[in-house]
């Protein structure tokens, strides 16, 4: 069974906190690539994001590298977004053919169950790496839900609940 699980959705759904909690429980977790890219750009005195296609390509390259790093891992591993998220961005920009996208989807498979975290207005906050509005976060969430389903993944909405309840929801579905 594929033990690579994606947590995705719009910004501000609590993915980072959830992954931190899973990591504290001993699970392998991989952070979101976009945040690291933005932090590196800001540290270099650049704008937070390059043009959308370049940004998506940088994310894709980082996500592929992370995927390959844990390729042989036989324990549950949780990704804060996956290769398909970057492919979604590239598709939206018209930067990749459907055949190329399909090739990447096939080459970098995840567990067929994808955990979607909906934007949560009560915990939503912008910061130096998250500059989207709450409305944009909702659009990204809806786009991710349709995108993953389009590629044959079952999407499960993680309920808005306490961190422990959310972790339990996910862990109960690993079997």
N, C-alpha and C. Protein backbone atom coordinates (compact mmCIF):
# COMPACT_ATOMS: atom_id res chain seq x y z
N UNK A 1 0.84 -1.18 0.00
CA UNK A 1 0.00 0.00 0.00
C UNK A 1 0.89 1.25 0.00
N UNK A 2 0.51 2.23 -0.79
CA UNK A 2 1.25 3.49 -0.86
C UNK A 2 1.05 4.25 0.45
N UNK A 3 2.14 4.53 1.12
CA UNK A 3 2.11 5.19 2.43
C UNK A 3 2.39 6.69 2.35
N UNK A 4 2.33 7.26 1.15
CA UNK A 4 2.56 8.70 0.97
C UNK A 4 1.21 9.40 0.95
N UNK A 5 0.95 10.18 1.98
CA UNK A 5 -0.35 10.85 2.14
C UNK A 5 -0.19 12.36 1.93
N UNK A 6 -1.11 12.92 1.16
CA UNK A 6 -1.10 14.36 0.90
C UNK A 6 -2.14 15.04 1.77
N UNK A 7 -1.71 16.14 2.38
CA UNK A 7 -2.63 17.07 3.04
C UNK A 7 -2.61 18.32 2.19
N UNK A 8 -3.75 18.70 1.67
CA UNK A 8 -3.82 19.85 0.78
C UNK A 8 -5.08 20.65 1.05
N UNK A 9 -5.30 21.64 0.23
CA UNK A 9 -6.45 22.51 0.37
C UNK A 9 -6.00 23.94 0.20
N UNK A 10 -6.83 24.85 0.59
CA UNK A 10 -6.47 26.26 0.50
C UNK A 10 -5.56 26.66 1.63
N UNK A 11 -4.94 27.83 1.49
CA UNK A 11 -4.14 28.34 2.60
C UNK A 11 -5.03 28.59 3.82
N UNK A 12 -4.47 28.43 4.99
CA UNK A 12 -5.20 28.78 6.20
C UNK A 12 -6.13 27.71 6.73
N UNK A 13 -5.89 26.46 6.36
CA UNK A 13 -6.72 25.37 6.85
C UNK A 13 -6.12 24.64 8.04
N UNK A 14 -4.90 24.99 8.41
CA UNK A 14 -4.25 24.35 9.54
C UNK A 14 -3.34 23.19 9.17
N UNK A 15 -2.90 23.12 7.92
CA UNK A 15 -2.04 22.02 7.48
C UNK A 15 -0.73 21.97 8.26
N UNK A 16 -0.10 23.13 8.42
CA UNK A 16 1.21 23.16 9.09
C UNK A 16 1.09 22.68 10.54
N UNK A 17 0.09 23.16 11.26
CA UNK A 17 -0.10 22.72 12.66
C UNK A 17 -0.38 21.23 12.73
N UNK A 18 -1.16 20.75 11.80
CA UNK A 18 -1.49 19.32 11.76
C UNK A 18 -0.24 18.49 11.48
N UNK A 19 0.58 18.92 10.53
CA UNK A 19 1.81 18.19 10.24
C UNK A 19 2.78 18.24 11.40
N UNK A 20 2.86 19.39 12.08
CA UNK A 20 3.74 19.48 13.26
C UNK A 20 3.31 18.48 14.33
N UNK A 21 2.01 18.31 14.51
CA UNK A 21 1.49 17.37 15.50
C UNK A 21 1.79 15.93 15.08
N UNK A 22 1.62 15.63 13.80
CA UNK A 22 1.94 14.28 13.31
C UNK A 22 3.43 14.00 13.46
N UNK A 23 4.27 14.99 13.19
CA UNK A 23 5.72 14.82 13.36
C UNK A 23 6.06 14.55 14.82
N UNK A 24 5.39 15.26 15.73
CA UNK A 24 5.64 15.05 17.16
C UNK A 24 5.24 13.65 17.60
N UNK A 25 4.35 13.02 16.86
CA UNK A 25 3.94 11.64 17.15
C UNK A 25 4.84 10.62 16.47
N UNK A 26 5.85 11.08 15.77
CA UNK A 26 6.82 10.17 15.16
C UNK A 26 6.61 9.89 13.68
N UNK A 27 5.64 10.51 13.07
CA UNK A 27 5.42 10.30 11.64
C UNK A 27 6.38 11.15 10.83
N UNK A 28 6.73 10.67 9.67
CA UNK A 28 7.56 11.43 8.75
C UNK A 28 6.66 12.48 8.07
N UNK A 29 7.08 13.73 8.10
CA UNK A 29 6.31 14.80 7.46
C UNK A 29 7.24 15.65 6.61
N UNK A 30 6.68 16.21 5.55
CA UNK A 30 7.45 17.08 4.67
C UNK A 30 6.71 18.39 4.52
N UNK A 31 7.40 19.51 4.77
CA UNK A 31 6.74 20.81 4.75
C UNK A 31 6.41 21.27 3.33
N UNK A 32 5.61 22.30 3.26
CA UNK A 32 5.21 22.90 1.99
C UNK A 32 6.41 23.57 1.32
N UNK A 33 6.61 23.30 0.06
CA UNK A 33 7.74 23.87 -0.67
C UNK A 33 7.58 25.36 -0.92
N UNK A 34 6.36 25.82 -1.19
CA UNK A 34 6.14 27.23 -1.53
C UNK A 34 6.62 28.15 -0.42
N UNK A 35 6.35 27.79 0.83
CA UNK A 35 6.78 28.64 1.95
C UNK A 35 8.30 28.79 1.99
N UNK A 36 9.01 27.69 1.75
CA UNK A 36 10.48 27.76 1.77
C UNK A 36 10.98 28.64 0.63
N UNK A 37 10.40 28.51 -0.54
CA UNK A 37 10.80 29.32 -1.69
C UNK A 37 10.57 30.80 -1.39
N UNK A 38 9.40 31.12 -0.84
CA UNK A 38 9.08 32.51 -0.51
C UNK A 38 10.05 33.04 0.55
N UNK A 39 10.31 32.25 1.60
CA UNK A 39 11.25 32.69 2.64
C UNK A 39 12.63 32.96 2.06
N UNK A 40 13.09 32.06 1.19
CA UNK A 40 14.41 32.25 0.57
C UNK A 40 14.44 33.52 -0.28
N UNK A 41 13.38 33.77 -1.00
CA UNK A 41 13.32 34.98 -1.85
C UNK A 41 13.32 36.23 -0.99
N UNK A 42 12.54 36.24 0.07
CA UNK A 42 12.49 37.40 0.95
C UNK A 42 13.84 37.65 1.60
N UNK A 43 14.50 36.56 2.02
CA UNK A 43 15.82 36.69 2.65
C UNK A 43 16.85 37.26 1.67
N UNK A 44 16.64 37.02 0.38
CA UNK A 44 17.55 37.53 -0.65
C UNK A 44 17.16 38.94 -1.11
N UNK A 45 16.12 39.51 -0.48
CA UNK A 45 15.68 40.85 -0.84
C UNK A 45 14.83 40.91 -2.10
N UNK A 46 14.27 39.78 -2.50
CA UNK A 46 13.44 39.71 -3.70
C UNK A 46 11.97 39.79 -3.33
N UNK A 47 11.12 39.96 -4.33
CA UNK A 47 9.68 39.89 -4.10
C UNK A 47 9.35 38.48 -3.64
N UNK A 48 8.24 38.30 -2.92
CA UNK A 48 7.92 36.97 -2.38
C UNK A 48 7.82 35.88 -3.44
N UNK A 49 7.28 36.23 -4.60
CA UNK A 49 7.06 35.21 -5.63
C UNK A 49 7.58 35.70 -6.98
N UNK A 50 8.19 34.78 -7.73
CA UNK A 50 8.51 35.12 -9.12
C UNK A 50 7.22 35.04 -9.95
N UNK A 51 7.34 35.13 -11.26
CA UNK A 51 6.13 35.01 -12.06
C UNK A 51 5.48 33.65 -11.79
N UNK A 52 4.16 33.52 -11.98
CA UNK A 52 3.44 32.30 -11.58
C UNK A 52 3.99 31.00 -12.17
N UNK A 53 4.40 31.01 -13.42
CA UNK A 53 4.91 29.77 -14.02
C UNK A 53 6.24 29.39 -13.40
N UNK A 54 7.13 30.35 -13.24
CA UNK A 54 8.43 30.07 -12.62
C UNK A 54 8.25 29.58 -11.18
N UNK A 55 7.34 30.22 -10.46
CA UNK A 55 7.05 29.83 -9.08
C UNK A 55 6.53 28.39 -9.02
N UNK A 56 5.57 28.08 -9.88
CA UNK A 56 5.01 26.72 -9.90
C UNK A 56 6.07 25.70 -10.29
N UNK A 57 6.95 26.05 -11.22
CA UNK A 57 8.01 25.13 -11.63
C UNK A 57 9.00 24.89 -10.48
N UNK A 58 9.33 25.95 -9.75
CA UNK A 58 10.22 25.78 -8.59
C UNK A 58 9.57 24.87 -7.55
N UNK A 59 8.28 25.06 -7.32
CA UNK A 59 7.56 24.21 -6.37
C UNK A 59 7.56 22.77 -6.86
N UNK A 60 7.27 22.57 -8.14
CA UNK A 60 7.26 21.22 -8.71
C UNK A 60 8.62 20.55 -8.52
N UNK A 61 9.69 21.25 -8.85
CA UNK A 61 11.03 20.66 -8.70
C UNK A 61 11.30 20.28 -7.25
N UNK A 62 10.94 21.15 -6.31
CA UNK A 62 11.15 20.86 -4.89
C UNK A 62 10.30 19.68 -4.43
N UNK A 63 9.05 19.63 -4.90
CA UNK A 63 8.16 18.53 -4.49
C UNK A 63 8.60 17.19 -5.07
N UNK A 64 9.11 17.19 -6.28
CA UNK A 64 9.64 15.96 -6.86
C UNK A 64 10.85 15.50 -6.07
N UNK A 65 11.71 16.41 -5.71
CA UNK A 65 12.90 16.06 -4.92
C UNK A 65 12.49 15.47 -3.57
N UNK A 66 11.50 16.08 -2.91
CA UNK A 66 11.02 15.55 -1.63
C UNK A 66 10.42 14.16 -1.81
N UNK A 67 9.64 13.99 -2.85
CA UNK A 67 9.02 12.69 -3.12
C UNK A 67 10.09 11.62 -3.28
N UNK A 68 11.09 11.92 -4.07
CA UNK A 68 12.17 10.95 -4.32
C UNK A 68 12.96 10.64 -3.05
N UNK A 69 13.11 11.64 -2.18
CA UNK A 69 13.85 11.44 -0.92
C UNK A 69 13.19 10.38 -0.05
N UNK A 70 11.89 10.29 -0.09
CA UNK A 70 11.18 9.33 0.77
C UNK A 70 10.62 8.15 -0.02
N UNK A 71 11.12 7.95 -1.24
CA UNK A 71 10.57 6.92 -2.13
C UNK A 71 10.56 5.54 -1.49
N UNK A 72 11.58 5.20 -0.74
CA UNK A 72 11.67 3.86 -0.18
C UNK A 72 11.08 3.76 1.23
N UNK A 73 10.54 4.83 1.74
CA UNK A 73 9.99 4.84 3.10
C UNK A 73 8.75 3.95 3.15
N UNK A 74 8.73 3.03 4.10
CA UNK A 74 7.59 2.11 4.19
C UNK A 74 6.65 2.46 5.34
N UNK A 75 6.84 3.63 5.96
CA UNK A 75 5.91 4.06 7.00
C UNK A 75 5.09 5.23 6.46
N UNK A 76 3.99 5.51 7.12
CA UNK A 76 3.14 6.61 6.69
C UNK A 76 3.94 7.91 6.70
N UNK A 77 3.91 8.59 5.56
CA UNK A 77 4.60 9.86 5.39
C UNK A 77 3.58 10.88 4.92
N UNK A 78 3.60 12.05 5.52
CA UNK A 78 2.61 13.09 5.22
C UNK A 78 3.28 14.28 4.54
N UNK A 79 2.74 14.67 3.41
CA UNK A 79 3.24 15.78 2.62
C UNK A 79 2.30 16.97 2.77
N UNK A 80 2.87 18.14 3.06
CA UNK A 80 2.10 19.39 3.04
C UNK A 80 2.08 19.80 1.58
N UNK A 81 1.05 19.39 0.90
CA UNK A 81 0.87 19.53 -0.55
C UNK A 81 1.73 18.49 -1.27
N UNK A 82 1.36 18.20 -2.49
CA UNK A 82 2.09 17.20 -3.26
C UNK A 82 2.42 17.69 -4.65
N UNK A 83 3.02 16.84 -5.43
CA UNK A 83 3.40 17.15 -6.80
C UNK A 83 2.18 17.64 -7.59
N UNK A 84 1.02 17.06 -7.33
CA UNK A 84 -0.18 17.46 -8.07
C UNK A 84 -0.57 18.91 -7.81
N UNK A 85 -0.25 19.46 -6.65
CA UNK A 85 -0.57 20.86 -6.36
C UNK A 85 0.19 21.78 -7.32
N UNK A 86 1.48 21.51 -7.51
CA UNK A 86 2.27 22.32 -8.44
C UNK A 86 1.79 22.12 -9.88
N UNK A 87 1.41 20.91 -10.21
CA UNK A 87 0.88 20.65 -11.55
C UNK A 87 -0.41 21.42 -11.79
N UNK A 88 -1.21 21.57 -10.74
CA UNK A 88 -2.43 22.36 -10.83
C UNK A 88 -2.10 23.81 -11.21
N UNK A 89 -1.09 24.36 -10.55
CA UNK A 89 -0.68 25.73 -10.84
C UNK A 89 -0.18 25.86 -12.28
N UNK A 90 0.61 24.89 -12.72
CA UNK A 90 1.13 24.92 -14.08
C UNK A 90 0.01 24.75 -15.11
N UNK A 91 -0.96 23.90 -14.79
CA UNK A 91 -2.10 23.72 -15.68
C UNK A 91 -2.91 25.01 -15.79
N UNK A 92 -3.15 25.65 -14.65
CA UNK A 92 -3.92 26.89 -14.64
C UNK A 92 -3.24 27.97 -15.48
N UNK A 93 -1.92 27.94 -15.54
CA UNK A 93 -1.17 28.92 -16.32
C UNK A 93 -0.99 28.48 -17.78
N UNK A 94 -1.48 27.28 -18.11
CA UNK A 94 -1.33 26.77 -19.47
C UNK A 94 0.12 26.44 -19.82
N UNK A 95 0.93 26.11 -18.80
CA UNK A 95 2.35 25.92 -19.00
C UNK A 95 2.76 24.47 -19.25
N UNK A 96 1.86 23.54 -19.12
CA UNK A 96 2.18 22.13 -19.35
C UNK A 96 1.07 21.48 -20.15
N UNK A 97 1.43 20.53 -20.99
CA UNK A 97 0.43 19.79 -21.76
C UNK A 97 -0.24 18.77 -20.84
N UNK A 98 -1.42 18.34 -21.23
CA UNK A 98 -2.12 17.31 -20.45
C UNK A 98 -1.31 16.02 -20.42
N UNK A 99 -0.64 15.70 -21.51
CA UNK A 99 0.17 14.48 -21.54
C UNK A 99 1.32 14.57 -20.54
N UNK A 100 1.95 15.73 -20.47
CA UNK A 100 3.05 15.92 -19.51
C UNK A 100 2.54 15.84 -18.08
N UNK A 101 1.41 16.46 -17.82
CA UNK A 101 0.83 16.41 -16.48
C UNK A 101 0.48 14.97 -16.12
N UNK A 102 -0.17 14.27 -17.04
CA UNK A 102 -0.54 12.87 -16.78
C UNK A 102 0.71 12.02 -16.50
N UNK A 103 1.79 12.29 -17.22
CA UNK A 103 3.04 11.57 -16.98
C UNK A 103 3.53 11.80 -15.55
N UNK A 104 3.50 13.04 -15.09
CA UNK A 104 3.94 13.34 -13.73
C UNK A 104 3.01 12.73 -12.68
N UNK A 105 1.71 12.78 -12.93
CA UNK A 105 0.75 12.19 -11.99
C UNK A 105 1.03 10.70 -11.83
N UNK A 106 1.32 10.04 -12.94
CA UNK A 106 1.61 8.60 -12.91
C UNK A 106 2.97 8.31 -12.26
N UNK A 107 3.94 9.16 -12.52
CA UNK A 107 5.30 8.93 -12.02
C UNK A 107 5.44 9.19 -10.52
N UNK A 108 4.53 10.01 -9.95
CA UNK A 108 4.64 10.38 -8.54
C UNK A 108 3.30 10.12 -7.83
N UNK A 109 2.96 8.83 -7.68
CA UNK A 109 1.66 8.51 -7.06
C UNK A 109 1.70 8.65 -5.54
N UNK A 110 0.56 9.02 -5.01
CA UNK A 110 0.36 9.10 -3.56
C UNK A 110 -0.71 8.09 -3.19
N UNK A 111 -0.94 7.94 -1.90
CA UNK A 111 -2.05 7.12 -1.45
C UNK A 111 -3.32 7.64 -2.12
N UNK A 112 -4.23 6.75 -2.50
CA UNK A 112 -5.44 7.21 -3.20
C UNK A 112 -6.35 8.12 -2.38
N UNK A 113 -6.13 8.17 -1.07
CA UNK A 113 -6.93 9.06 -0.22
C UNK A 113 -6.11 10.32 0.04
N UNK A 114 -6.68 11.46 -0.31
CA UNK A 114 -6.04 12.76 -0.11
C UNK A 114 -6.86 13.52 0.93
N UNK A 115 -6.18 14.05 1.93
CA UNK A 115 -6.84 14.80 3.00
C UNK A 115 -6.89 16.28 2.64
N UNK A 116 -8.09 16.81 2.55
CA UNK A 116 -8.31 18.22 2.21
C UNK A 116 -8.68 19.00 3.46
N UNK A 117 -7.95 20.07 3.68
CA UNK A 117 -8.24 20.94 4.82
C UNK A 117 -8.87 22.22 4.29
N UNK A 118 -10.14 22.44 4.58
CA UNK A 118 -10.80 23.63 4.08
C UNK A 118 -10.30 24.88 4.80
N UNK A 119 -10.30 26.01 4.10
CA UNK A 119 -9.93 27.25 4.78
C UNK A 119 -10.86 27.46 5.98
N UNK A 120 -10.31 28.00 7.02
CA UNK A 120 -11.03 28.13 8.28
C UNK A 120 -10.87 29.57 8.73
N UNK A 121 -11.92 30.34 8.58
CA UNK A 121 -11.84 31.78 8.81
C UNK A 121 -11.37 32.14 10.21
N UNK A 122 -11.76 31.35 11.21
CA UNK A 122 -11.39 31.65 12.59
C UNK A 122 -9.89 31.54 12.85
N UNK A 123 -9.19 30.72 12.07
CA UNK A 123 -7.75 30.57 12.28
C UNK A 123 -6.94 31.18 11.14
N UNK A 124 -7.62 31.69 10.12
CA UNK A 124 -6.93 32.23 8.96
C UNK A 124 -6.18 33.51 9.30
N UNK A 125 -4.95 33.57 8.85
CA UNK A 125 -4.14 34.77 9.06
C UNK A 125 -3.14 34.87 7.91
N UNK A 126 -2.86 36.09 7.50
CA UNK A 126 -1.81 36.28 6.50
C UNK A 126 -0.50 36.48 7.24
N UNK A 127 0.59 36.24 6.53
CA UNK A 127 1.92 36.47 7.08
C UNK A 127 2.85 36.76 5.91
N UNK A 128 4.14 36.75 6.15
CA UNK A 128 5.08 37.10 5.08
C UNK A 128 5.08 36.09 3.94
N UNK A 129 4.64 34.86 4.19
CA UNK A 129 4.59 33.86 3.12
C UNK A 129 3.16 33.60 2.62
N UNK A 130 2.16 34.04 3.35
CA UNK A 130 0.77 33.81 2.94
C UNK A 130 0.11 35.17 2.74
N UNK A 131 -0.04 35.54 1.48
CA UNK A 131 -0.61 36.84 1.19
C UNK A 131 -1.97 36.75 0.50
N UNK A 132 -2.51 35.56 0.37
CA UNK A 132 -3.81 35.40 -0.27
C UNK A 132 -4.92 35.87 0.66
N UNK A 133 -6.01 36.34 0.05
CA UNK A 133 -7.19 36.68 0.83
C UNK A 133 -7.91 35.39 1.20
N UNK A 134 -8.84 35.50 2.14
CA UNK A 134 -9.60 34.32 2.53
C UNK A 134 -10.42 33.80 1.34
N UNK A 135 -10.94 34.70 0.53
CA UNK A 135 -11.71 34.31 -0.65
C UNK A 135 -10.84 33.53 -1.64
N UNK A 136 -9.60 33.97 -1.79
CA UNK A 136 -8.67 33.23 -2.66
C UNK A 136 -8.36 31.86 -2.08
N UNK A 137 -8.28 31.76 -0.77
CA UNK A 137 -8.04 30.47 -0.12
C UNK A 137 -9.19 29.51 -0.43
N UNK A 138 -10.41 30.01 -0.42
CA UNK A 138 -11.56 29.17 -0.75
C UNK A 138 -11.47 28.69 -2.20
N UNK A 139 -11.08 29.56 -3.11
CA UNK A 139 -10.93 29.18 -4.52
C UNK A 139 -9.87 28.10 -4.69
N UNK A 140 -8.75 28.23 -3.99
CA UNK A 140 -7.69 27.23 -4.08
C UNK A 140 -8.20 25.89 -3.53
N UNK A 141 -8.90 25.91 -2.42
CA UNK A 141 -9.45 24.69 -1.83
C UNK A 141 -10.36 23.99 -2.83
N UNK A 142 -11.29 24.73 -3.41
CA UNK A 142 -12.23 24.13 -4.38
C UNK A 142 -11.48 23.59 -5.60
N UNK A 143 -10.48 24.34 -6.05
CA UNK A 143 -9.68 23.87 -7.18
C UNK A 143 -8.93 22.59 -6.88
N UNK A 144 -8.34 22.51 -5.69
CA UNK A 144 -7.60 21.30 -5.30
C UNK A 144 -8.54 20.09 -5.21
N UNK A 145 -9.71 20.32 -4.66
CA UNK A 145 -10.68 19.23 -4.52
C UNK A 145 -11.03 18.65 -5.89
N UNK A 146 -11.31 19.51 -6.84
CA UNK A 146 -11.66 19.06 -8.19
C UNK A 146 -10.45 18.45 -8.89
N UNK A 147 -9.29 19.07 -8.73
CA UNK A 147 -8.07 18.61 -9.40
C UNK A 147 -7.69 17.19 -8.98
N UNK A 148 -7.63 16.94 -7.68
CA UNK A 148 -7.25 15.61 -7.21
C UNK A 148 -8.30 14.57 -7.63
N UNK A 149 -9.57 14.92 -7.54
CA UNK A 149 -10.63 13.98 -7.96
C UNK A 149 -10.50 13.67 -9.45
N UNK A 150 -10.16 14.66 -10.23
CA UNK A 150 -9.99 14.48 -11.68
C UNK A 150 -8.93 13.44 -11.99
N UNK A 151 -7.92 13.34 -11.14
CA UNK A 151 -6.83 12.38 -11.36
C UNK A 151 -7.04 11.07 -10.60
N UNK A 152 -8.26 10.84 -10.14
CA UNK A 152 -8.61 9.55 -9.55
C UNK A 152 -8.40 9.42 -8.06
N UNK A 153 -8.11 10.50 -7.38
CA UNK A 153 -7.91 10.45 -5.93
C UNK A 153 -9.24 10.66 -5.21
N UNK A 154 -9.38 9.98 -4.09
CA UNK A 154 -10.54 10.19 -3.22
C UNK A 154 -10.17 11.31 -2.25
N UNK A 155 -10.96 12.36 -2.24
CA UNK A 155 -10.66 13.46 -1.34
C UNK A 155 -11.56 13.40 -0.12
N UNK A 156 -10.94 13.53 1.04
CA UNK A 156 -11.67 13.55 2.31
C UNK A 156 -11.47 14.90 2.97
N UNK A 157 -12.56 15.58 3.25
CA UNK A 157 -12.48 16.85 3.97
C UNK A 157 -12.21 16.58 5.44
N UNK A 158 -11.12 17.15 5.94
CA UNK A 158 -10.79 17.03 7.35
C UNK A 158 -11.67 18.04 8.09
N UNK A 159 -12.43 17.58 9.08
CA UNK A 159 -13.36 18.50 9.74
C UNK A 159 -12.65 19.59 10.52
N UNK A 160 -13.32 20.71 10.63
CA UNK A 160 -12.84 21.79 11.50
C UNK A 160 -13.12 21.35 12.93
N UNK A 161 -12.07 21.07 13.64
CA UNK A 161 -12.18 20.55 15.00
C UNK A 161 -10.87 20.84 15.71
N UNK A 162 -10.73 20.34 16.93
CA UNK A 162 -9.47 20.54 17.64
C UNK A 162 -8.37 19.81 16.89
N UNK A 163 -7.15 20.20 17.16
CA UNK A 163 -6.00 19.57 16.51
C UNK A 163 -5.99 18.07 16.77
N UNK A 164 -6.23 17.68 18.00
CA UNK A 164 -6.24 16.24 18.33
C UNK A 164 -7.33 15.50 17.57
N UNK A 165 -8.50 16.10 17.45
CA UNK A 165 -9.59 15.45 16.71
C UNK A 165 -9.25 15.33 15.23
N UNK A 166 -8.57 16.32 14.70
CA UNK A 166 -8.18 16.26 13.29
C UNK A 166 -7.11 15.18 13.08
N UNK A 167 -6.15 15.09 13.97
CA UNK A 167 -5.13 14.05 13.87
C UNK A 167 -5.80 12.68 13.96
N UNK A 168 -6.70 12.51 14.90
CA UNK A 168 -7.41 11.23 15.04
C UNK A 168 -8.20 10.89 13.78
N UNK A 169 -8.86 11.89 13.19
CA UNK A 169 -9.61 11.68 11.95
C UNK A 169 -8.70 11.10 10.87
N UNK A 170 -7.53 11.68 10.73
CA UNK A 170 -6.59 11.22 9.69
C UNK A 170 -6.04 9.84 10.01
N UNK A 171 -5.57 9.65 11.23
CA UNK A 171 -4.96 8.38 11.59
C UNK A 171 -5.94 7.22 11.52
N UNK A 172 -7.20 7.47 11.80
CA UNK A 172 -8.21 6.41 11.71
C UNK A 172 -8.42 5.95 10.27
N UNK A 173 -8.07 6.79 9.34
CA UNK A 173 -8.29 6.46 7.92
C UNK A 173 -7.06 5.89 7.25
N UNK A 174 -5.99 5.70 7.98
CA UNK A 174 -4.77 5.15 7.38
C UNK A 174 -4.88 3.67 7.08
N UNK A 175 -5.74 3.00 7.76
CA UNK A 175 -5.88 1.56 7.51
C UNK A 175 -6.89 1.39 6.46
